[in-house]
Structure formats: structure tokens, C-alpha cells
Amino acid sequence: MGPLVYLAFLSSAAPARSGDELYEQFTKFLQEWADAVNRRGLFQLSDQASSTVAASPGSSLDPEEQERLTQALAAPGRVDAQVINHIESILQHCKRQEDTLGPQAVLHTVLAQRQLVNSLLTGCPAPLRPRLLSVYSDMSTSAGFHFFNLDDVDNAMHYCDQARAAAHKARNTELAIYALCSMSYFASCHGKAPAGLDFAAAAQSLAGRTDDVLLQVCVADRAGIAYAVDAQYKECMAEFDRAQAGLAASAGQVSPESPAYWYHEGLLASHQSECLLQLGKPQEAAAKANTGLQLFDNSFVGSLAVCTLRLGTAHLQSGEIEEAVRVIGDGALLATQAPSARRTKKVRAARAQLQPWEHTPAVQALDEHLAALGLGSR
């Protein structure tokens, strides 16, 4: 039934000028179907269909591409390079949407895509199997990050471990590094320094096998974060120096296809700020957070919100209470624009540190602001 829904959409869709426009048309189409189908049925119908909507830039699908996708759904042995191209395009679209709108906007589609790819692997022609396994790995790591941002660490680790295994089968070093870096980050963010260090060390052992500068920067960043959780200041700063040197040496010549496409100097400064907070150096942390905010790409709304909250926390730990209140309020507003359970928790954690000053006018005004945003601390 999934392919039939998909073909019904294709027959009714207006010509699209871009992949984003086609995706929006499909979303509207599914919403209209909801009037005739119950919610559970709609999700079942959309699982495969949403995974196969083409996001080819600049044009909608032609009849030959429609037929190819339908045949692949019916018979995995008919998978070809064009089918994989379309699936990859939707995954890239979902990644960009998550950057801006948060994990809730894309998790269902990514999991549906992943299920589809898993079914296609059974009969996929041998020459294309490594590429399809790589897509499966990339999807699994993306799903892991979405669960992490929803504050579900167990599922985050589960999906990234499956991503690592699939990347190994595909002989895809870059995606194996990406999965290991993600697992290191998840462990470190939950205070598990030994696991964070072990995963980072495994990623470092593979880093020399890739020319992907952003992945090498990611490895150093994740190792630095793990060292900070383990209270190793010197080692932490050395890794961030290594990451910064990597970005500087690349002179902006990095592949947009890198799994770590979202790394840039602003994000690196933001992560270093978090490490400096953990290491008891709030003034240095504030300076790094300010640097990060000046360099941030504003399309990464969730990361921008987290960096702003770090700056507020750094002001708080430096005794600058009113400035801390102002900045935390700004971070909370940004967090609502790309909502996730993890970012909501960070807002509330920042507010909790203001408990000694909760009766001051500034903190009372912040509480009103948070309540209006639906982020009340109580």
C-alpha cells in the first residue's frame, strides 16, 4: 500500500522547483490523507512512501524514476544507483531540517527510511551493497543523534552501535569514525569518562585513514570533551588545539558531503566553552562562548541555543548574575525554536543554578519568561 500512496502523490503533485518544495508537497498530501485514514494507518502508509520521495534538486521525478522506485520497493533486487541517490537525498534533507527544527520534525521519517533500507539490503545486488550499507550506517547515526537530543541515551547508543557495525561491513572508514565519535560524545555528556575516552581512542586509531578534515576535527573535539569529563585539563586543551589547527589548515576547503559537515569554528569554540565550565574556568568559558556565538551559522538553531546557555552559565559562575539571567533568557527563546528534551533540560538546569537569587526581580522576570515559553522550572 505504501507505493500506491506514493504514486497517488506523484500523480497529483505540481511540478516542484526544489527538493524542499517537493518534500513540503508530500507532507501536505499526507496530512490530507489523515481525514480518511486513522493515525496508525497513516503512519504505516507513510513509512515507505516518505522514505522514497525524491529530493533531487531542481526538478520533480520523471515517469522513469517513479517506476524505478516502485519496482525497488516491490523487488529489492531491482535497487540501482538512482534509487540509492533518492534515499540519500531525503536523509540529507532530514539532517538539515533537524539542524533548524529539532529531532521531532524528522525522527519518524529517518526511522522509516532506515526500515526501508534494511529491507532492501536483503536482495540488493552485490556491487551496490556496500553503498546501501553505508546509507544504513549514516541513517543509524542520525537516528542516534535524534534520540540523544530527545534525551534517550540508551536508544542513541543502540543505533550508533548498529551504525558502526554497518560501516565496518561496508568498509566505510569515515562512517565508522563518525559512529564512534558520536558514541564518545553521548558517553561523555552523561559523565561516563572512561567510555568516552575509549570510544574517542577507537576513533583516533582510524582517523589517519581518512582525508576528511572535518572528521579529524570531530575526533579531536570528542577526545577533548572526554578528557574534560575526566578532569584532564592539559590533555583537553591539547585536543582542542589540534582541532583548531585542523580547521585552520583546511582554509575552508572541506567537503560538504562529510558526515561531520556541521563542524565549524563557532561550534568548536562552543564545545571548548563547555569543557572549560566543567574544568572550573568560567571566565575562559565565557570568552570561548562569546567567540562561538560570533562565528555561528544561525541555521544551526539548536546548537546556537546551547552555546547561548553555556555563556549564561559562565556568567553565573563568574558572579555576574543579572547578565547571566539575560543570556539564559535568550538561550531559552532559541531553544523553543528547535525544541528537544535535551535542550529543555539544559534550560532548566541553568535556571536551577539561579536558585539562591530566585527572589530577585531579575530571576522572577526570567521565571515569567520561561513560563510564557512553556519552559517553567517548576
Protein backbone atom coordinates (compact mmCIF):
# COMPACT_ATOMS: atom_id res chain seq x y z
CA MET A 1 0.00 0.00 0.00
CA GLY A 2 2.93 2.39 0.66
CA PRO A 3 3.97 2.55 -3.02
CA LEU A 4 0.34 3.17 -4.05
CA VAL A 5 0.11 6.17 -1.74
CA TYR A 6 3.41 7.42 -3.08
CA LEU A 7 2.28 7.09 -6.71
CA ALA A 8 -1.01 8.80 -5.89
CA PHE A 9 1.01 11.71 -4.55
CA LEU A 10 3.21 11.83 -7.66
CA SER A 11 0.19 11.90 -9.95
CA SER A 12 -1.33 14.84 -8.07
CA ALA A 13 1.80 16.87 -7.26
CA ALA A 14 2.51 20.12 -9.02
CA PRO A 15 5.96 20.44 -10.61
CA ALA A 16 8.47 21.25 -7.86
CA ARG A 17 11.33 23.69 -8.23
CA SER A 18 13.41 22.11 -5.48
CA GLY A 19 13.71 19.08 -3.23
CA ASP A 20 12.46 21.10 -0.26
CA GLU A 21 9.33 22.11 -2.16
CA LEU A 22 8.62 18.53 -3.19
CA TYR A 23 9.06 17.40 0.43
CA GLU A 24 6.59 20.08 1.58
CA GLN A 25 4.07 18.98 -1.07
CA PHE A 26 4.33 15.40 0.13
CA THR A 27 3.85 16.41 3.77
CA LYS A 28 0.68 18.34 2.87
CA PHE A 29 -0.55 15.39 0.83
CA LEU A 30 -0.17 13.02 3.80
CA GLN A 31 -1.97 15.47 6.08
CA GLU A 32 -4.96 15.46 3.71
CA TRP A 33 -4.99 11.68 3.73
CA ALA A 34 -5.34 11.81 7.50
CA ASP A 35 -9.02 12.78 7.09
CA ALA A 36 -9.72 9.39 5.56
CA VAL A 37 -7.25 7.16 7.42
CA ASN A 38 -6.72 6.76 11.14
CA ARG A 39 -3.41 7.87 12.62
CA ARG A 40 -1.94 4.41 12.95
CA GLY A 41 -2.84 3.54 9.39
CA LEU A 42 -1.42 6.78 8.10
CA PHE A 43 1.95 6.14 9.70
CA GLN A 44 2.02 2.65 8.20
CA LEU A 45 1.25 4.04 4.76
CA SER A 46 3.82 6.79 5.03
CA ASP A 47 6.68 4.63 6.34
CA GLN A 48 7.81 3.51 2.92
CA ALA A 49 6.38 6.37 0.91
CA SER A 50 8.09 9.15 2.87
CA SER A 51 11.36 7.28 2.58
CA THR A 52 11.26 7.21 -1.20
CA VAL A 53 10.20 10.75 -2.04
CA ALA A 54 12.96 12.09 -4.26
CA ALA A 55 14.77 15.22 -3.17
CA SER A 56 16.63 15.72 -6.42
CA PRO A 57 17.46 19.46 -6.61
CA GLY A 58 15.79 21.45 -9.31
CA SER A 59 13.18 19.01 -10.64
CA SER A 60 10.42 16.59 -9.69
CA LEU A 61 10.52 12.89 -10.54
CA ASP A 62 10.03 11.86 -14.15
CA PRO A 63 7.95 8.75 -15.03
CA GLU A 64 11.05 6.54 -15.36
CA GLU A 65 12.23 7.46 -11.84
CA GLN A 66 8.73 6.81 -10.45
CA GLU A 67 8.75 3.34 -11.98
CA ARG A 68 12.27 2.60 -10.71
CA LEU A 69 11.38 3.46 -7.11
CA THR A 70 8.17 1.43 -7.21
CA GLN A 71 9.99 -1.59 -8.60
CA ALA A 72 12.66 -1.33 -5.91
CA LEU A 73 10.01 -1.35 -3.20
CA ALA A 74 8.38 -4.41 -4.74
CA ALA A 75 11.63 -6.26 -5.52
CA PRO A 76 14.85 -5.28 -3.66
CA GLY A 77 16.90 -6.94 -6.42
CA ARG A 78 15.93 -4.02 -8.64
CA VAL A 79 17.76 -1.50 -6.46
CA ASP A 80 20.05 0.65 -8.59
CA ALA A 81 22.27 3.70 -8.06
CA GLN A 82 19.43 6.11 -8.78
CA VAL A 83 17.23 4.59 -6.09
CA ILE A 84 20.05 4.98 -3.57
CA ASN A 85 20.58 8.58 -4.73
CA HIS A 86 16.97 9.40 -3.89
CA ILE A 87 17.16 7.78 -0.45
CA GLU A 88 20.39 9.64 0.30
CA SER A 89 18.80 12.93 -0.74
CA ILE A 90 15.95 12.55 1.74
CA LEU A 91 18.42 11.71 4.52
CA GLN A 92 20.40 14.88 3.78
CA HIS A 93 17.19 16.88 3.77
CA CYS A 94 16.25 15.44 7.17
CA LYS A 95 19.65 16.33 8.60
CA ARG A 96 19.22 19.96 7.59
CA GLN A 97 15.68 20.03 8.95
CA GLU A 98 16.86 18.68 12.30
CA ASP A 99 19.53 21.40 12.45
CA THR A 100 16.79 24.01 12.23
CA LEU A 101 13.63 22.45 13.68
CA GLY A 102 14.80 19.82 16.15
CA PRO A 103 14.60 15.99 16.22
CA GLN A 104 10.82 15.65 16.48
CA ALA A 105 10.47 17.06 12.96
CA VAL A 106 12.44 14.25 11.32
CA LEU A 107 12.78 11.21 13.59
CA HIS A 108 9.78 9.31 12.20
CA THR A 109 10.95 9.79 8.60
CA VAL A 110 14.53 8.73 9.38
CA LEU A 111 13.36 5.57 11.17
CA ALA A 112 11.02 4.77 8.26
CA GLN A 113 13.83 5.25 5.76
CA ARG A 114 16.10 3.06 7.83
CA GLN A 115 13.50 0.28 7.93
CA LEU A 116 13.10 0.54 4.17
CA VAL A 117 16.86 0.37 3.54
CA ASN A 118 17.14 -2.64 5.84
CA SER A 119 14.51 -4.45 3.76
CA LEU A 120 16.27 -3.50 0.51
CA LEU A 121 19.59 -4.90 1.75
CA THR A 122 18.25 -8.46 1.54
CA GLY A 123 18.12 -8.57 -2.23
CA CYS A 124 20.41 -5.69 -3.13
CA PRO A 125 22.85 -6.50 -5.97
CA ALA A 126 26.31 -7.25 -4.57
CA PRO A 127 28.11 -4.31 -6.29
CA LEU A 128 25.69 -1.84 -4.65
CA ARG A 129 25.55 -3.48 -1.22
CA PRO A 130 28.48 -1.53 0.33
CA ARG A 131 26.90 1.76 -0.69
CA LEU A 132 23.49 0.75 0.67
CA LEU A 133 25.14 -0.43 3.90
CA SER A 134 26.79 2.99 4.14
CA VAL A 135 23.41 4.67 3.79
CA TYR A 136 22.07 2.40 6.53
CA SER A 137 25.02 3.36 8.77
CA ASP A 138 24.53 7.08 8.15
CA MET A 139 20.81 6.80 8.88
CA SER A 140 21.51 4.86 12.06
CA THR A 141 23.91 7.51 13.39
CA SER A 142 21.39 10.23 12.51
CA ALA A 143 18.71 8.33 14.41
CA GLY A 144 21.12 8.02 17.33
CA PHE A 145 21.61 11.77 17.43
CA HIS A 146 17.87 12.38 17.26
CA PHE A 147 17.31 10.06 20.23
CA PHE A 148 20.17 11.75 22.08
CA ASN A 149 18.55 15.14 21.60
CA LEU A 150 15.34 13.61 22.88
CA ASP A 151 17.33 12.58 25.99
CA ASP A 152 17.09 8.86 25.24
CA VAL A 153 20.71 7.79 25.62
CA ASP A 154 20.09 4.05 25.53
CA ASN A 155 18.50 4.23 22.09
CA ALA A 156 21.13 6.72 20.95
CA MET A 157 23.90 4.27 21.82
CA HIS A 158 21.98 1.34 20.30
CA TYR A 159 21.55 2.99 16.91
CA CYS A 160 25.13 4.28 16.77
CA ASP A 161 26.47 0.84 17.61
CA GLN A 162 24.47 -0.56 14.70
CA ALA A 163 25.84 2.27 12.54
CA ARG A 164 29.38 1.30 13.49
CA ALA A 165 28.76 -2.34 12.61
CA ALA A 166 27.20 -1.46 9.24
CA ALA A 167 30.07 0.89 8.40
CA HIS A 168 32.53 -1.90 9.17
CA LYS A 169 30.68 -4.27 6.81
CA ALA A 170 30.70 -1.58 4.12
CA ARG A 171 34.43 -0.94 4.65
CA ASN A 172 33.48 2.71 5.13
CA THR A 173 36.12 4.18 7.44
CA GLU A 174 34.55 7.63 7.57
CA LEU A 175 31.17 6.42 8.80
CA ALA A 176 32.83 4.10 11.33
CA ILE A 177 34.72 7.11 12.73
CA TYR A 178 31.51 9.15 12.75
CA ALA A 179 29.64 6.49 14.75
CA LEU A 180 32.49 6.11 17.26
CA CYS A 181 32.73 9.89 17.73
CA SER A 182 29.01 10.03 18.38
CA MET A 183 29.18 7.27 20.97
CA SER A 184 32.10 9.02 22.68
CA TYR A 185 30.08 12.23 22.86
CA PHE A 186 26.98 10.53 24.24
CA ALA A 187 29.03 8.81 26.95
CA SER A 188 30.90 11.99 27.89
CA CYS A 189 27.74 14.07 28.08
CA HIS A 190 26.41 11.63 30.67
CA GLY A 191 29.55 11.72 32.79
CA LYS A 192 30.95 8.38 31.66
CA ALA A 193 34.54 9.49 31.12
CA PRO A 194 36.13 6.02 30.67
CA ALA A 195 33.66 5.06 27.93
CA GLY A 196 34.00 8.48 26.31
CA LEU A 197 37.78 8.13 26.25
CA ASP A 198 37.65 4.56 24.93
CA PHE A 199 35.34 5.43 22.03
CA ALA A 200 37.44 8.50 21.22
CA ALA A 201 40.61 6.39 21.23
CA ALA A 202 38.98 3.94 18.80
CA ALA A 203 38.04 6.84 16.52
CA GLN A 204 41.59 8.23 16.76
CA SER A 205 43.00 4.87 15.69
CA LEU A 206 41.04 5.19 12.41
CA ALA A 207 41.47 8.92 11.84
CA GLY A 208 44.76 8.51 9.96
CA ARG A 209 42.96 6.51 7.27
CA THR A 210 40.79 9.39 6.06
CA ASP A 211 41.44 12.70 4.33
CA ASP A 212 38.17 14.10 5.68
CA VAL A 213 39.41 17.14 7.63
CA LEU A 214 36.10 17.70 9.41
CA LEU A 215 36.05 14.14 10.70
CA GLN A 216 39.59 14.55 12.01
CA VAL A 217 38.46 17.75 13.75
CA CYS A 218 35.47 15.85 15.16
CA VAL A 219 37.77 13.14 16.57
CA ALA A 220 39.94 15.71 18.35
CA ASP A 221 36.88 17.56 19.65
CA ARG A 222 35.31 14.39 21.06
CA ALA A 223 38.58 13.38 22.69
CA GLY A 224 38.86 16.85 24.24
CA ILE A 225 35.36 16.61 25.67
CA ALA A 226 36.10 13.18 27.15
CA TYR A 227 39.30 14.50 28.75
CA ALA A 228 37.34 17.40 30.29
CA VAL A 229 34.85 14.99 31.86
CA ASP A 230 37.86 13.10 33.24
CA ALA A 231 39.23 16.40 34.67
CA GLN A 232 42.36 16.32 32.47
CA TYR A 233 42.83 20.00 31.60
CA LYS A 234 46.15 19.78 29.72
CA GLU A 235 45.06 16.87 27.53
CA CYS A 236 41.71 18.52 26.86
CA MET A 237 43.25 21.79 25.66
CA ALA A 238 45.78 19.90 23.51
CA GLU A 239 42.95 18.17 21.66
CA PHE A 240 41.13 21.44 21.05
CA ASP A 241 44.35 22.99 19.78
CA ARG A 242 44.64 20.06 17.39
CA ALA A 243 41.05 20.52 16.22
CA GLN A 244 41.52 24.25 15.71
CA ALA A 245 44.72 23.65 13.74
CA GLY A 246 42.83 21.22 11.50
CA LEU A 247 40.17 23.78 10.69
CA ALA A 248 42.78 26.47 10.04
CA ALA A 249 44.83 24.22 7.77
CA SER A 250 41.79 23.33 5.67
CA ALA A 251 41.23 27.04 4.84
CA GLY A 252 37.57 26.30 4.25
CA GLN A 253 38.35 23.59 1.68
CA VAL A 254 36.20 20.84 3.17
CA SER A 255 33.69 18.50 1.60
CA PRO A 256 30.01 19.35 2.17
CA GLU A 257 29.41 15.59 1.94
CA SER A 258 31.41 14.93 5.11
CA PRO A 259 29.41 13.15 7.84
CA ALA A 260 30.67 15.94 10.12
CA TYR A 261 29.53 18.70 7.71
CA TRP A 262 28.22 20.72 10.67
CA TYR A 263 31.64 21.34 12.23
CA HIS A 264 32.92 24.91 12.14
CA GLU A 265 34.94 27.25 14.34
CA GLY A 266 31.88 28.50 16.19
CA LEU A 267 30.79 25.02 17.22
CA LEU A 268 34.33 24.13 18.25
CA ALA A 269 34.53 27.23 20.46
CA SER A 270 31.13 26.36 21.97
CA HIS A 271 32.29 22.85 22.86
CA GLN A 272 35.51 24.17 24.34
CA SER A 273 33.45 26.57 26.43
CA GLU A 274 31.52 23.63 27.88
CA CYS A 275 34.78 21.88 28.73
CA LEU A 276 36.15 24.98 30.45
CA LEU A 277 32.99 25.19 32.54
CA GLN A 278 33.47 21.59 33.65
CA LEU A 279 37.11 22.31 34.43
CA GLY A 280 36.20 25.24 36.72
CA LYS A 281 37.30 28.11 34.46
CA PRO A 282 34.14 30.19 33.91
CA GLN A 283 35.79 33.37 32.65
CA GLU A 284 37.69 31.46 29.95
CA ALA A 285 34.46 29.62 29.19
CA ALA A 286 32.59 32.91 28.70
CA ALA A 287 35.26 34.17 26.30
CA LYS A 288 35.05 30.98 24.23
CA ALA A 289 31.24 31.03 24.20
CA ASN A 290 31.26 34.65 23.01
CA THR A 291 33.70 33.69 20.26
CA GLY A 292 31.45 30.81 19.27
CA LEU A 293 28.34 32.98 19.07
CA GLN A 294 30.11 35.46 16.79
CA LEU A 295 31.10 32.65 14.41
CA PHE A 296 27.91 30.58 14.45
CA ASP A 297 25.88 29.79 11.38
CA ASN A 298 22.41 30.83 12.51
CA SER A 299 20.77 27.94 10.66
CA PHE A 300 22.04 25.62 13.42
CA VAL A 301 19.44 26.92 15.86
CA GLY A 302 19.71 24.13 18.42
CA SER A 303 23.48 24.43 18.74
CA LEU A 304 23.19 28.20 18.91
CA ALA A 305 20.74 27.84 21.80
CA VAL A 306 23.09 25.54 23.70
CA CYS A 307 26.06 27.88 23.21
CA THR A 308 23.98 30.80 24.49
CA LEU A 309 23.00 28.81 27.58
CA ARG A 310 26.68 27.98 28.16
CA LEU A 311 27.50 31.68 28.05
CA GLY A 312 24.77 32.38 30.60
CA THR A 313 26.09 29.65 32.89
CA ALA A 314 29.62 31.04 32.55
CA HIS A 315 28.39 34.50 33.60
CA LEU A 316 26.58 32.92 36.54
CA GLN A 317 29.67 31.05 37.72
CA SER A 318 31.64 34.30 37.40
CA GLY A 319 29.18 36.04 39.75
CA GLU A 320 27.57 38.18 37.02
CA ILE A 321 24.00 37.34 37.96
CA GLU A 322 21.97 39.90 36.00
CA GLU A 323 23.92 39.24 32.80
CA ALA A 324 23.50 35.51 33.37
CA VAL A 325 19.74 35.94 33.70
CA ARG A 326 19.56 37.96 30.48
CA VAL A 327 21.61 35.48 28.44
CA ILE A 328 19.81 32.42 29.82
CA GLY A 329 16.53 34.04 28.77
CA ASP A 330 17.90 34.49 25.24
CA GLY A 331 19.05 30.87 25.16
CA ALA A 332 15.64 29.65 26.31
CA LEU A 333 13.93 31.51 23.48
CA LEU A 334 16.27 29.95 20.93
CA ALA A 335 15.69 26.51 22.48
CA THR A 336 11.96 26.75 21.73
CA GLN A 337 12.70 27.33 18.04
CA ALA A 338 14.39 23.92 17.73
CA PRO A 339 12.79 22.04 20.61
CA SER A 340 14.26 18.89 22.12
CA ALA A 341 14.17 17.26 25.54
CA ARG A 342 17.93 17.70 25.95
CA ARG A 343 17.81 21.44 25.30
CA THR A 344 14.81 21.85 27.60
CA LYS A 345 16.79 20.07 30.32
CA LYS A 346 19.70 22.47 29.78
CA VAL A 347 17.40 25.48 30.15
CA ARG A 348 16.02 24.12 33.42
CA ALA A 349 19.49 23.22 34.68
CA ALA A 350 20.66 26.78 34.03
CA ARG A 351 17.64 28.14 35.89
CA ALA A 352 18.22 25.76 38.79
CA GLN A 353 21.65 27.27 39.36
CA LEU A 354 19.93 30.62 39.97
CA GLN A 355 18.07 29.24 42.99
CA PRO A 356 19.97 31.40 45.53
CA TRP A 357 18.71 34.54 43.74
CA GLU A 358 15.18 33.37 42.95
CA HIS A 359 13.55 36.22 44.89
CA THR A 360 15.36 38.95 42.96
CA PRO A 361 13.38 40.91 40.33
CA ALA A 362 15.67 39.69 37.54
CA VAL A 363 15.15 35.98 38.27
CA GLN A 364 11.41 36.47 38.84
CA ALA A 365 11.21 38.14 35.42
CA LEU A 366 13.13 35.18 33.94
CA ASP A 367 10.64 32.77 35.51
CA GLU A 368 7.79 34.64 33.86
CA HIS A 369 9.65 34.49 30.55
CA LEU A 370 10.26 30.74 30.89
CA ALA A 371 6.63 30.12 31.83
CA ALA A 372 5.47 32.01 28.74
CA LEU A 373 7.74 29.79 26.63
CA GLY A 374 6.42 26.63 28.28
CA LEU A 375 9.78 26.03 29.98
CA GLY A 376 8.85 26.75 33.57
CA SER A 377 11.34 25.26 36.03
CA ARG A 378 8.61 24.04 38.36
